[in-house]
Amino acid sequence: MTLIKSISGIRGTIGGKAGDGLTPIDVVKFTAAFGSWVISKAANKRIVIGRDARISGEMVNNLVVGTLQGLGIEVIDLGLSTTPTVEIAVPLEKAAGGIILTASHNPKQWNALKLLNAKGEFISDADGKEVLEIAENSDFSFVEVDELGQVRKDDTYIQKHIDAILALPLVDVAAIKKANFKVAIDCVNSTGGIFLPPLLKALGVETVYELYCEPNGQFPHNPEPLPENLTEIAKVVQQKKADLGIVVDPDVDRLALVNEDGTMFGEEYTLVAVADYVLKNTPGNTVSNLSSTRALRDVTAQAGMQYTAAAVGEVNVVNQMKATNAIIGGEGNGGIIYPESHYGRDALVGIALFLSHLAKFGKPISVLRASYPSYHISKNKITLTPEMDIDALLQKVEEKYKKQPYSTIDGLKIEFDKEWVHLRRSNTEPIIRIYSEAENETTAENLAQKIISDIKEILKIS
């Protein structure tokens, strides 16, 4: 059993003893902590919640609703929803915060509480620490019977989210309709199955081949949208002669695309392509995290604009976007953040912008992919032992490569012309992640192995 408490929320596997897994007691404790924090910050006692289609979702939902009511908080329950939909609903409902019940791309035994502030954005590092402290001290007080919070169920946000997307100036429904796309979708039996079909219909896509669109939480494959998990939709795209495949994760904040020949567009390139489209129509800056492909930097430079890298984590990317007034940003895991809509990763907005781009491009999706600089990312890791001094280790690697451009805002990233390597400690596992990128797979892998060899040498000496 696993329970991970972090500044952005709490996640874990269902079952086990309290404190070891995500048990009902843990759900109540952290919901009460967040609710108490909201009460201390806002005059308005209103929280929006929504969930993905996980098997444990209804149980967790009931616990969260009851706990918030017990604190005297009004609950607006969107039911089966998506992460970006809840993010949009919080400010529209003038709520003081939001809770999304989803473990994102994790397998079915996981669930989580993702915590939002009054803007519908992930709570900050400082706020997260306050919530954890309240939970640690069980510093909450429940109301008497006449003051219990009310609950309102609201299923109107599918349409509200779609309407908001259609209203975006860069979403070109006429161009998409004219392109007459045939699209295959894989929604991994979660809430994408409720949202994608009506969105595509509203965008003018008449032919949709649906794969795993029943929101029953029985994920038919590992729900993380990586190439090894997308073999089935790749076959459907080829068999049906579809123009592309669209894949989302269980809470619909990550977007992966499949080319017409069944090859992968590449999750890293979802943001690159959407940013290219946005930059062609709206000059401005871009942001992604340090572990994302440098293709975004290339595309941004080509448009004569400024690219900035942020520390890993959505809240860090959003902060950097605000600081640089970026018009598009996100993460290389298929997470698109488009401030014209809202400051959160949104696969639905991504789909609408990407289809507008592809429709105007007028050629197959594989040709669009080939038009971007091609880079390969190699992902490696080193398992840590308790006696390792990670900070000292990274400092020694930094010293060795001090003549190269480098960044220490999140672990250590070293650049070598058009290649880079990024070392960072995992927040959830006892490992150092080592990501490297180069113009071909072998070079990227060799670069990673060179750094791993350096680390082993440093550990031997020390």
Protein backbone atom coordinates (compact mmCIF):
# COMPACT_ATOMS: atom_id res chain seq x y z
CA MET A 1 0.00 0.00 0.00
CA THR A 2 1.18 3.52 -0.76
CA LEU A 3 0.19 6.95 0.53
CA ILE A 4 1.93 10.06 -0.82
CA LYS A 5 1.27 13.41 0.83
CA SER A 6 2.48 16.35 -1.21
CA ILE A 7 1.85 20.07 -1.43
CA SER A 8 -0.51 19.56 -4.39
CA GLY A 9 -2.68 16.97 -2.68
CA ILE A 10 -2.73 13.41 -1.46
CA ARG A 11 -2.68 10.22 -3.50
CA GLY A 12 -2.36 6.55 -2.79
CA THR A 13 -3.58 3.04 -3.38
CA ILE A 14 -7.01 2.12 -2.07
CA GLY A 15 -7.11 -0.07 1.06
CA GLY A 16 -4.74 -1.12 3.83
CA LYS A 17 -4.21 0.49 7.20
CA ALA A 18 -4.81 4.21 7.80
CA GLY A 19 -1.66 6.17 6.99
CA ASP A 20 -0.32 3.39 4.72
CA GLY A 21 -2.83 3.61 1.88
CA LEU A 22 -5.63 5.92 0.75
CA THR A 23 -8.17 4.67 3.28
CA PRO A 24 -11.51 6.33 4.15
CA ILE A 25 -9.84 7.75 7.29
CA ASP A 26 -7.09 9.38 5.19
CA VAL A 27 -9.63 10.79 2.71
CA VAL A 28 -11.64 12.35 5.55
CA LYS A 29 -8.54 13.70 7.30
CA PHE A 30 -7.12 15.48 4.25
CA THR A 31 -10.50 16.69 3.01
CA ALA A 32 -11.13 18.17 6.49
CA ALA A 33 -7.67 19.80 6.41
CA PHE A 34 -8.28 21.37 3.00
CA GLY A 35 -11.81 22.44 3.91
CA SER A 36 -10.52 24.05 7.13
CA TRP A 37 -7.80 25.84 5.17
CA VAL A 38 -10.41 27.17 2.70
CA ILE A 39 -12.58 28.44 5.57
CA SER A 40 -9.57 30.27 7.06
CA LYS A 41 -8.84 32.00 3.75
CA ALA A 42 -12.22 32.86 2.25
CA ALA A 43 -15.45 34.49 3.33
CA ASN A 44 -17.31 32.21 0.98
CA LYS A 45 -17.67 28.57 2.07
CA ARG A 46 -18.14 26.89 -1.31
CA ILE A 47 -16.07 24.12 -2.92
CA VAL A 48 -16.51 22.51 -6.37
CA ILE A 49 -15.70 18.81 -6.72
CA GLY A 50 -15.59 16.40 -9.65
CA ARG A 51 -14.13 12.97 -10.32
CA ASP A 52 -12.81 10.67 -12.99
CA ALA A 53 -14.42 7.25 -13.52
CA ARG A 54 -12.22 5.17 -11.20
CA ILE A 55 -13.87 2.22 -9.44
CA SER A 56 -13.12 3.86 -6.07
CA GLY A 57 -14.46 7.24 -7.24
CA GLU A 58 -17.97 6.97 -5.82
CA MET A 59 -16.69 5.86 -2.39
CA VAL A 60 -14.12 8.67 -2.23
CA ASN A 61 -16.72 11.16 -3.52
CA ASN A 62 -19.17 10.23 -0.73
CA LEU A 63 -16.46 10.67 1.92
CA VAL A 64 -15.36 14.04 0.54
CA VAL A 65 -18.92 15.40 0.25
CA GLY A 66 -19.86 14.31 3.78
CA THR A 67 -16.69 15.75 5.30
CA LEU A 68 -17.13 19.12 3.58
CA GLN A 69 -20.78 19.24 4.68
CA GLY A 70 -19.62 18.50 8.23
CA LEU A 71 -17.43 21.60 8.07
CA GLY A 72 -20.40 23.72 7.00
CA ILE A 73 -19.15 24.03 3.40
CA GLU A 74 -21.51 24.22 0.42
CA VAL A 75 -20.54 21.55 -2.14
CA ILE A 76 -21.11 21.81 -5.88
CA ASP A 77 -20.66 18.26 -7.16
CA LEU A 78 -20.01 17.98 -10.91
CA GLY A 79 -20.04 14.17 -10.68
CA LEU A 80 -18.12 12.42 -13.48
CA SER A 81 -15.98 15.21 -14.88
CA THR A 82 -12.45 16.15 -15.93
CA THR A 83 -9.63 18.01 -14.22
CA PRO A 84 -9.84 21.02 -16.58
CA THR A 85 -13.64 21.16 -16.25
CA VAL A 86 -13.43 21.45 -12.45
CA GLU A 87 -10.72 24.11 -12.90
CA ILE A 88 -13.06 26.13 -15.11
CA ALA A 89 -16.04 25.64 -12.79
CA VAL A 90 -14.37 26.98 -9.61
CA PRO A 91 -14.21 30.67 -10.68
CA LEU A 92 -17.52 30.45 -12.59
CA GLU A 93 -19.21 29.25 -9.39
CA LYS A 94 -17.33 31.91 -7.35
CA ALA A 95 -16.12 29.04 -5.17
CA ALA A 96 -13.30 29.29 -2.63
CA GLY A 97 -11.59 26.16 -3.95
CA GLY A 98 -11.93 22.83 -5.71
CA ILE A 99 -11.10 19.16 -5.24
CA ILE A 100 -10.60 16.81 -8.17
CA LEU A 101 -10.85 13.12 -7.28
CA THR A 102 -8.40 11.53 -9.70
CA ALA A 103 -5.04 9.80 -9.72
CA SER A 104 -4.52 11.03 -13.28
CA HIS A 105 -2.52 8.46 -15.30
CA ASN A 106 -1.99 6.02 -12.38
CA PRO A 107 -3.49 2.50 -12.59
CA LYS A 108 -6.96 1.65 -11.25
CA GLN A 109 -5.93 0.86 -7.65
CA TRP A 110 -4.86 4.50 -7.17
CA ASN A 111 -6.94 7.55 -6.35
CA ALA A 112 -6.12 11.07 -5.18
CA LEU A 113 -7.38 14.46 -4.08
CA LYS A 114 -6.04 17.28 -6.28
CA LEU A 115 -6.50 20.65 -4.60
CA LEU A 116 -7.43 23.93 -6.30
CA ASN A 117 -7.52 27.53 -5.07
CA ALA A 118 -10.27 30.09 -5.76
CA LYS A 119 -8.86 30.75 -9.27
CA GLY A 120 -9.27 27.08 -10.17
CA GLU A 121 -5.49 26.61 -10.20
CA PHE A 122 -3.39 24.16 -8.18
CA ILE A 123 -2.62 25.48 -4.72
CA SER A 124 0.87 26.93 -4.16
CA ASP A 125 3.77 25.34 -2.33
CA ALA A 126 3.13 27.52 0.75
CA ASP A 127 -0.61 26.77 0.73
CA GLY A 128 0.06 23.05 0.36
CA LYS A 129 2.35 23.10 3.38
CA GLU A 130 -0.38 24.82 5.43
CA VAL A 131 -2.91 22.12 4.45
CA LEU A 132 -0.47 19.33 5.38
CA GLU A 133 0.18 20.98 8.74
CA ILE A 134 -3.56 21.23 9.49
CA ALA A 135 -3.89 17.52 8.60
CA GLU A 136 -0.89 16.58 10.76
CA ASN A 137 -2.34 18.37 13.79
CA SER A 138 -5.95 17.29 13.07
CA ASP A 139 -6.68 20.99 13.51
CA PHE A 140 -10.32 21.03 12.36
CA SER A 141 -13.65 21.71 13.96
CA PHE A 142 -17.00 20.50 12.62
CA VAL A 143 -20.26 22.45 12.71
CA GLU A 144 -23.48 21.71 14.55
CA VAL A 145 -26.47 20.17 12.85
CA ASP A 146 -28.24 23.37 11.74
CA GLU A 147 -25.09 24.62 10.01
CA LEU A 148 -24.28 21.56 7.86
CA GLY A 149 -23.30 22.42 4.29
CA GLN A 150 -25.71 21.95 1.38
CA VAL A 151 -24.91 19.85 -1.70
CA ARG A 152 -25.86 20.77 -5.25
CA LYS A 153 -25.25 18.36 -8.13
CA ASP A 154 -24.50 20.10 -11.42
CA ASP A 155 -24.17 18.20 -14.71
CA THR A 156 -24.21 21.28 -16.96
CA TYR A 157 -20.43 21.72 -17.13
CA ILE A 158 -19.82 19.34 -20.04
CA GLN A 159 -21.73 21.78 -22.24
CA LYS A 160 -20.32 24.87 -20.51
CA HIS A 161 -16.75 23.63 -21.10
CA ILE A 162 -17.48 22.83 -24.75
CA ASP A 163 -19.14 26.24 -25.27
CA ALA A 164 -16.10 27.98 -23.74
CA ILE A 165 -13.81 26.08 -26.13
CA LEU A 166 -15.94 26.94 -29.18
CA ALA A 167 -15.78 30.62 -28.16
CA LEU A 168 -11.96 30.70 -28.35
CA PRO A 169 -10.94 32.87 -31.36
CA LEU A 170 -8.31 30.36 -32.59
CA VAL A 171 -10.75 27.41 -32.63
CA ASP A 172 -11.90 27.29 -36.27
CA VAL A 173 -14.99 25.08 -36.47
CA ALA A 174 -15.59 25.91 -40.14
CA ALA A 175 -12.08 24.77 -41.12
CA ILE A 176 -12.40 21.55 -39.07
CA LYS A 177 -15.80 20.77 -40.58
CA LYS A 178 -14.49 21.40 -44.09
CA ALA A 179 -11.53 19.05 -43.49
CA ASN A 180 -14.04 16.22 -42.90
CA PHE A 181 -11.72 14.40 -40.48
CA LYS A 182 -12.20 10.76 -39.54
CA VAL A 183 -10.96 10.42 -35.96
CA ALA A 184 -10.37 7.42 -33.68
CA ILE A 185 -10.44 8.05 -29.91
CA ASP A 186 -9.29 6.03 -26.89
CA CYS A 187 -10.74 7.32 -23.60
CA VAL A 188 -9.50 4.43 -21.42
CA ASN A 189 -13.03 3.86 -19.98
CA SER A 190 -12.93 7.09 -18.01
CA THR A 191 -14.56 10.51 -18.33
CA GLY A 192 -13.00 11.32 -21.71
CA GLY A 193 -15.71 8.96 -23.00
CA ILE A 194 -18.36 11.45 -21.83
CA PHE A 195 -16.59 14.60 -23.04
CA LEU A 196 -14.76 13.77 -26.31
CA PRO A 197 -17.69 12.58 -28.48
CA PRO A 198 -19.84 15.73 -27.90
CA LEU A 199 -16.78 18.00 -28.22
CA LEU A 200 -15.81 16.45 -31.57
CA LYS A 201 -19.39 16.67 -32.80
CA ALA A 202 -19.52 20.36 -31.79
CA LEU A 203 -16.26 20.92 -33.69
CA GLY A 204 -17.79 19.48 -36.86
CA VAL A 205 -16.15 16.03 -36.82
CA GLU A 206 -18.79 13.64 -38.18
CA THR A 207 -16.88 10.34 -38.17
CA VAL A 208 -15.57 9.18 -34.78
CA TYR A 209 -14.40 5.62 -34.05
CA GLU A 210 -14.84 5.17 -30.29
CA LEU A 211 -12.53 2.95 -28.30
CA TYR A 212 -13.10 2.45 -24.54
CA CYS A 213 -15.57 5.29 -24.03
CA GLU A 214 -17.64 3.66 -21.27
CA PRO A 215 -16.83 5.49 -18.00
CA ASN A 216 -16.69 2.40 -15.76
CA GLY A 217 -13.12 2.74 -14.47
CA GLN A 218 -12.07 -0.64 -15.90
CA PHE A 219 -8.95 0.60 -17.68
CA PRO A 220 -8.32 -1.76 -20.64
CA HIS A 221 -4.58 -0.99 -20.62
CA ASN A 222 -2.15 1.05 -18.57
CA PRO A 223 -3.88 4.46 -18.64
CA GLU A 224 -0.71 6.52 -19.15
CA PRO A 225 -0.78 7.62 -22.83
CA LEU A 226 2.68 6.26 -23.77
CA PRO A 227 3.39 4.48 -27.10
CA GLU A 228 3.61 1.01 -25.52
CA ASN A 229 0.04 1.43 -24.18
CA LEU A 230 -1.48 2.66 -27.45
CA THR A 231 -1.06 -0.33 -29.78
CA GLU A 232 -4.81 -0.93 -30.08
CA ILE A 233 -5.78 2.57 -31.21
CA ALA A 234 -2.84 2.54 -33.64
CA LYS A 235 -4.39 -0.54 -35.30
CA VAL A 236 -7.87 1.05 -35.36
CA VAL A 237 -6.49 4.19 -37.04
CA GLN A 238 -4.90 2.05 -39.77
CA GLN A 239 -7.85 -0.31 -40.24
CA LYS A 240 -10.43 2.47 -40.45
CA LYS A 241 -8.12 4.71 -42.51
CA ALA A 242 -8.69 7.45 -39.94
CA ASP A 243 -6.91 10.80 -40.30
CA LEU A 244 -5.63 10.61 -36.74
CA GLY A 245 -6.07 9.04 -33.32
CA ILE A 246 -6.72 11.01 -30.12
CA VAL A 247 -5.87 9.60 -26.69
CA VAL A 248 -6.51 11.13 -23.26
CA ASP A 249 -5.67 9.96 -19.75
CA PRO A 250 -8.37 9.23 -17.13
CA ASP A 251 -8.83 12.86 -16.01
CA VAL A 252 -8.40 14.37 -19.50
CA ASP A 253 -5.53 16.77 -18.85
CA ARG A 254 -3.02 14.96 -21.09
CA LEU A 255 -3.32 14.58 -24.86
CA ALA A 256 -1.50 12.13 -27.13
CA LEU A 257 -1.96 11.82 -30.89
CA VAL A 258 -1.57 8.96 -33.39
CA ASN A 259 -0.57 9.56 -37.02
CA GLU A 260 -2.66 8.25 -39.92
CA ASP A 261 -0.15 5.40 -40.47
CA GLY A 262 -0.44 4.20 -36.86
CA THR A 263 2.86 5.72 -35.73
CA MET A 264 2.96 8.03 -32.73
CA PHE A 265 2.94 11.81 -33.19
CA GLY A 266 4.87 11.87 -29.90
CA GLU A 267 3.46 13.11 -26.60
CA GLU A 268 6.26 15.70 -26.37
CA TYR A 269 5.13 17.14 -29.70
CA THR A 270 1.46 17.76 -28.77
CA LEU A 271 2.49 21.02 -27.09
CA VAL A 272 5.00 21.86 -29.86
CA ALA A 273 2.32 21.62 -32.57
CA VAL A 274 -0.34 23.54 -30.64
CA ALA A 275 2.20 26.23 -29.69
CA ASP A 276 3.23 26.52 -33.35
CA TYR A 277 -0.40 27.16 -34.30
CA VAL A 278 -0.93 29.69 -31.51
CA LEU A 279 2.36 31.50 -32.32
CA LYS A 280 1.41 31.75 -36.00
CA ASN A 281 -1.74 33.63 -34.98
CA THR A 282 -0.80 35.38 -31.73
CA PRO A 283 2.83 36.44 -31.16
CA GLY A 284 3.97 35.85 -27.58
CA ASN A 285 6.22 33.90 -25.24
CA THR A 286 6.15 30.21 -24.38
CA VAL A 287 7.05 28.08 -21.34
CA SER A 288 7.55 24.36 -20.68
CA ASN A 289 9.31 22.48 -17.92
CA LEU A 290 13.02 21.64 -17.87
CA SER A 291 12.39 18.00 -18.84
CA SER A 292 10.39 18.84 -21.99
CA THR A 293 11.72 18.77 -25.56
CA ARG A 294 13.77 21.70 -26.84
CA ALA A 295 11.64 21.60 -30.03
CA LEU A 296 9.34 24.14 -28.33
CA ARG A 297 12.29 26.49 -27.88
CA ASP A 298 13.17 26.07 -31.58
CA VAL A 299 9.59 26.74 -32.76
CA THR A 300 9.36 29.78 -30.45
CA ALA A 301 12.69 31.20 -31.68
CA GLN A 302 11.57 30.67 -35.27
CA ALA A 303 8.54 32.86 -34.48
CA GLY A 304 10.92 35.51 -33.07
CA MET A 305 9.60 35.09 -29.53
CA GLN A 306 11.05 34.12 -26.13
CA TYR A 307 11.00 30.63 -24.60
CA THR A 308 11.55 30.04 -20.85
CA ALA A 309 11.96 26.79 -18.91
CA ALA A 310 10.27 26.23 -15.54
CA ALA A 311 10.81 23.70 -12.79
CA VAL A 312 8.86 20.45 -13.24
CA GLY A 313 5.26 20.60 -11.97
CA GLU A 314 2.18 22.30 -13.36
CA VAL A 315 2.08 25.01 -10.68
CA ASN A 316 5.71 25.96 -11.53
CA VAL A 317 4.93 26.16 -15.25
CA VAL A 318 1.86 28.33 -14.56
CA ASN A 319 3.88 30.69 -12.33
CA GLN A 320 6.55 31.05 -15.03
CA MET A 321 3.89 31.64 -17.69
CA LYS A 322 2.39 34.45 -15.62
CA ALA A 323 5.84 35.94 -14.95
CA THR A 324 6.74 36.00 -18.67
CA ASN A 325 3.24 36.77 -19.96
CA ALA A 326 3.34 33.56 -22.03
CA ILE A 327 0.50 32.92 -24.47
CA ILE A 328 0.97 29.13 -24.49
CA GLY A 329 2.80 26.66 -22.30
CA GLY A 330 2.65 23.28 -20.68
CA GLU A 331 4.52 20.07 -20.14
CA GLY A 332 6.02 17.53 -22.51
CA ASN A 333 3.64 14.85 -21.25
CA GLY A 334 0.89 16.13 -23.56
CA GLY A 335 -0.22 18.83 -21.12
CA ILE A 336 -1.33 22.04 -22.84
CA ILE A 337 -1.93 25.23 -20.84
CA TYR A 338 -3.67 27.95 -22.85
CA PRO A 339 -4.29 31.07 -20.69
CA GLU A 340 -6.89 32.41 -23.14
CA SER A 341 -9.01 29.57 -21.72
CA HIS A 342 -7.57 28.99 -18.21
CA TYR A 343 -4.30 28.27 -16.40
CA GLY A 344 -4.48 24.48 -16.32
CA ARG A 345 -3.56 21.52 -18.53
CA ASP A 346 -6.54 20.86 -20.77
CA ALA A 347 -6.68 18.07 -23.36
CA LEU A 348 -10.08 19.31 -24.62
CA VAL A 349 -8.72 22.76 -25.48
CA GLY A 350 -5.68 20.99 -26.96
CA ILE A 351 -7.88 18.87 -29.25
CA ALA A 352 -9.77 21.92 -30.55
CA LEU A 353 -6.59 23.93 -31.24
CA PHE A 354 -4.77 20.96 -32.78
CA LEU A 355 -7.64 20.08 -35.16
CA SER A 356 -7.85 23.76 -36.20
CA HIS A 357 -4.10 23.66 -36.92
CA LEU A 358 -4.27 20.37 -38.86
CA ALA A 359 -7.29 21.52 -40.86
CA LYS A 360 -5.51 24.69 -41.99
CA PHE A 361 -2.24 22.81 -42.61
CA GLY A 362 -4.14 20.75 -45.18
CA LYS A 363 -1.78 17.75 -45.26
CA PRO A 364 -1.64 14.47 -43.28
CA ILE A 365 -0.73 14.60 -39.60
CA SER A 366 2.53 12.68 -40.23
CA VAL A 367 3.65 15.48 -42.59
CA LEU A 368 2.88 18.05 -39.89
CA ARG A 369 4.96 16.06 -37.40
CA ALA A 370 7.86 15.85 -39.89
CA SER A 371 7.82 19.67 -40.21
CA TYR A 372 9.13 20.04 -36.62
CA PRO A 373 12.71 19.62 -35.39
CA SER A 374 13.14 15.99 -34.43
CA TYR A 375 14.58 15.17 -31.02
CA HIS A 376 14.67 12.02 -28.95
CA ILE A 377 14.40 11.89 -25.16
CA SER A 378 16.00 9.05 -23.20
CA LYS A 379 14.61 8.42 -19.70
CA ASN A 380 16.79 6.70 -17.11
CA LYS A 381 17.01 6.55 -13.33
CA ILE A 382 19.40 5.71 -10.52
CA THR A 383 18.03 4.11 -7.34
CA LEU A 384 19.09 5.93 -4.20
CA THR A 385 20.40 4.41 -0.99
CA PRO A 386 19.62 6.07 2.39
CA GLU A 387 23.23 7.17 2.93
CA MET A 388 23.48 9.08 -0.38
CA ASP A 389 23.84 12.86 -0.06
CA ILE A 390 21.94 13.90 -3.19
CA ASP A 391 22.67 17.62 -2.94
CA ALA A 392 26.41 17.00 -2.59
CA LEU A 393 26.29 14.56 -5.51
CA LEU A 394 24.55 17.06 -7.80
CA GLN A 395 27.00 19.77 -6.76
CA LYS A 396 29.92 17.57 -7.83
CA VAL A 397 28.32 16.89 -11.22
CA GLU A 398 27.67 20.65 -11.54
CA GLU A 399 31.34 21.38 -10.74
CA LYS A 400 32.48 18.89 -13.40
CA TYR A 401 30.35 20.60 -16.08
CA LYS A 402 30.54 24.21 -14.88
CA LYS A 403 31.83 25.42 -18.26
CA GLN A 404 28.55 24.32 -19.89
CA PRO A 405 25.30 26.33 -19.62
CA TYR A 406 23.37 24.83 -16.70
CA SER A 407 20.37 25.44 -14.46
CA THR A 408 19.79 24.48 -10.81
CA ILE A 409 16.17 25.65 -10.44
CA ASP A 410 15.04 22.02 -10.32
CA GLY A 411 17.82 19.51 -9.72
CA LEU A 412 20.52 20.06 -12.35
CA LYS A 413 20.10 20.58 -16.10
CA ILE A 414 23.23 20.79 -18.28
CA GLU A 415 23.14 21.88 -21.92
CA PHE A 416 25.50 20.77 -24.69
CA ASP A 417 24.65 22.73 -27.85
CA LYS A 418 21.36 21.11 -28.97
CA GLU A 419 21.59 18.32 -26.41
CA TRP A 420 20.78 18.38 -22.71
CA VAL A 421 20.61 16.19 -19.63
CA HIS A 422 18.37 16.83 -16.60
CA LEU A 423 18.94 15.20 -13.22
CA ARG A 424 16.27 15.55 -10.55
CA ARG A 425 15.24 13.75 -7.42
CA SER A 426 11.80 12.11 -7.66
CA ASN A 427 9.18 13.45 -5.24
CA THR A 428 7.50 10.08 -5.03
CA GLU A 429 10.23 7.40 -5.28
CA PRO A 430 13.78 6.95 -3.91
CA ILE A 431 15.40 7.62 -7.30
CA ILE A 432 17.16 10.28 -9.34
CA ARG A 433 15.52 10.69 -12.74
CA ILE A 434 17.95 11.30 -15.60
CA TYR A 435 16.37 12.66 -18.78
CA SER A 436 18.53 13.41 -21.80
CA GLU A 437 17.67 14.69 -25.27
CA ALA A 438 19.54 14.75 -28.58
CA GLU A 439 18.81 14.69 -32.31
CA ASN A 440 18.94 10.89 -32.35
CA GLU A 441 18.16 8.11 -29.91
CA THR A 442 21.70 6.71 -29.63
CA THR A 443 23.25 10.10 -28.80
CA ALA A 444 20.59 10.78 -26.16
CA GLU A 445 21.18 7.37 -24.58
CA ASN A 446 24.98 7.79 -24.70
CA LEU A 447 24.70 11.19 -23.02
CA ALA A 448 22.62 9.69 -20.20
CA GLN A 449 25.06 6.81 -19.76
CA LYS A 450 28.00 9.25 -19.64
CA ILE A 451 26.33 11.15 -16.75
CA ILE A 452 25.41 7.88 -14.98
CA SER A 453 29.05 6.81 -15.29
CA ASP A 454 30.17 10.18 -13.82
CA ILE A 455 27.78 9.71 -10.88
CA LYS A 456 29.07 6.19 -10.21
CA GLU A 457 32.62 7.52 -10.28
CA ILE A 458 31.77 10.33 -7.82
CA LEU A 459 30.06 7.84 -5.48
CA LYS A 460 33.10 5.56 -5.60
CA ILE A 461 35.48 8.42 -4.70
CA SER A 462 33.29 9.75 -1.88
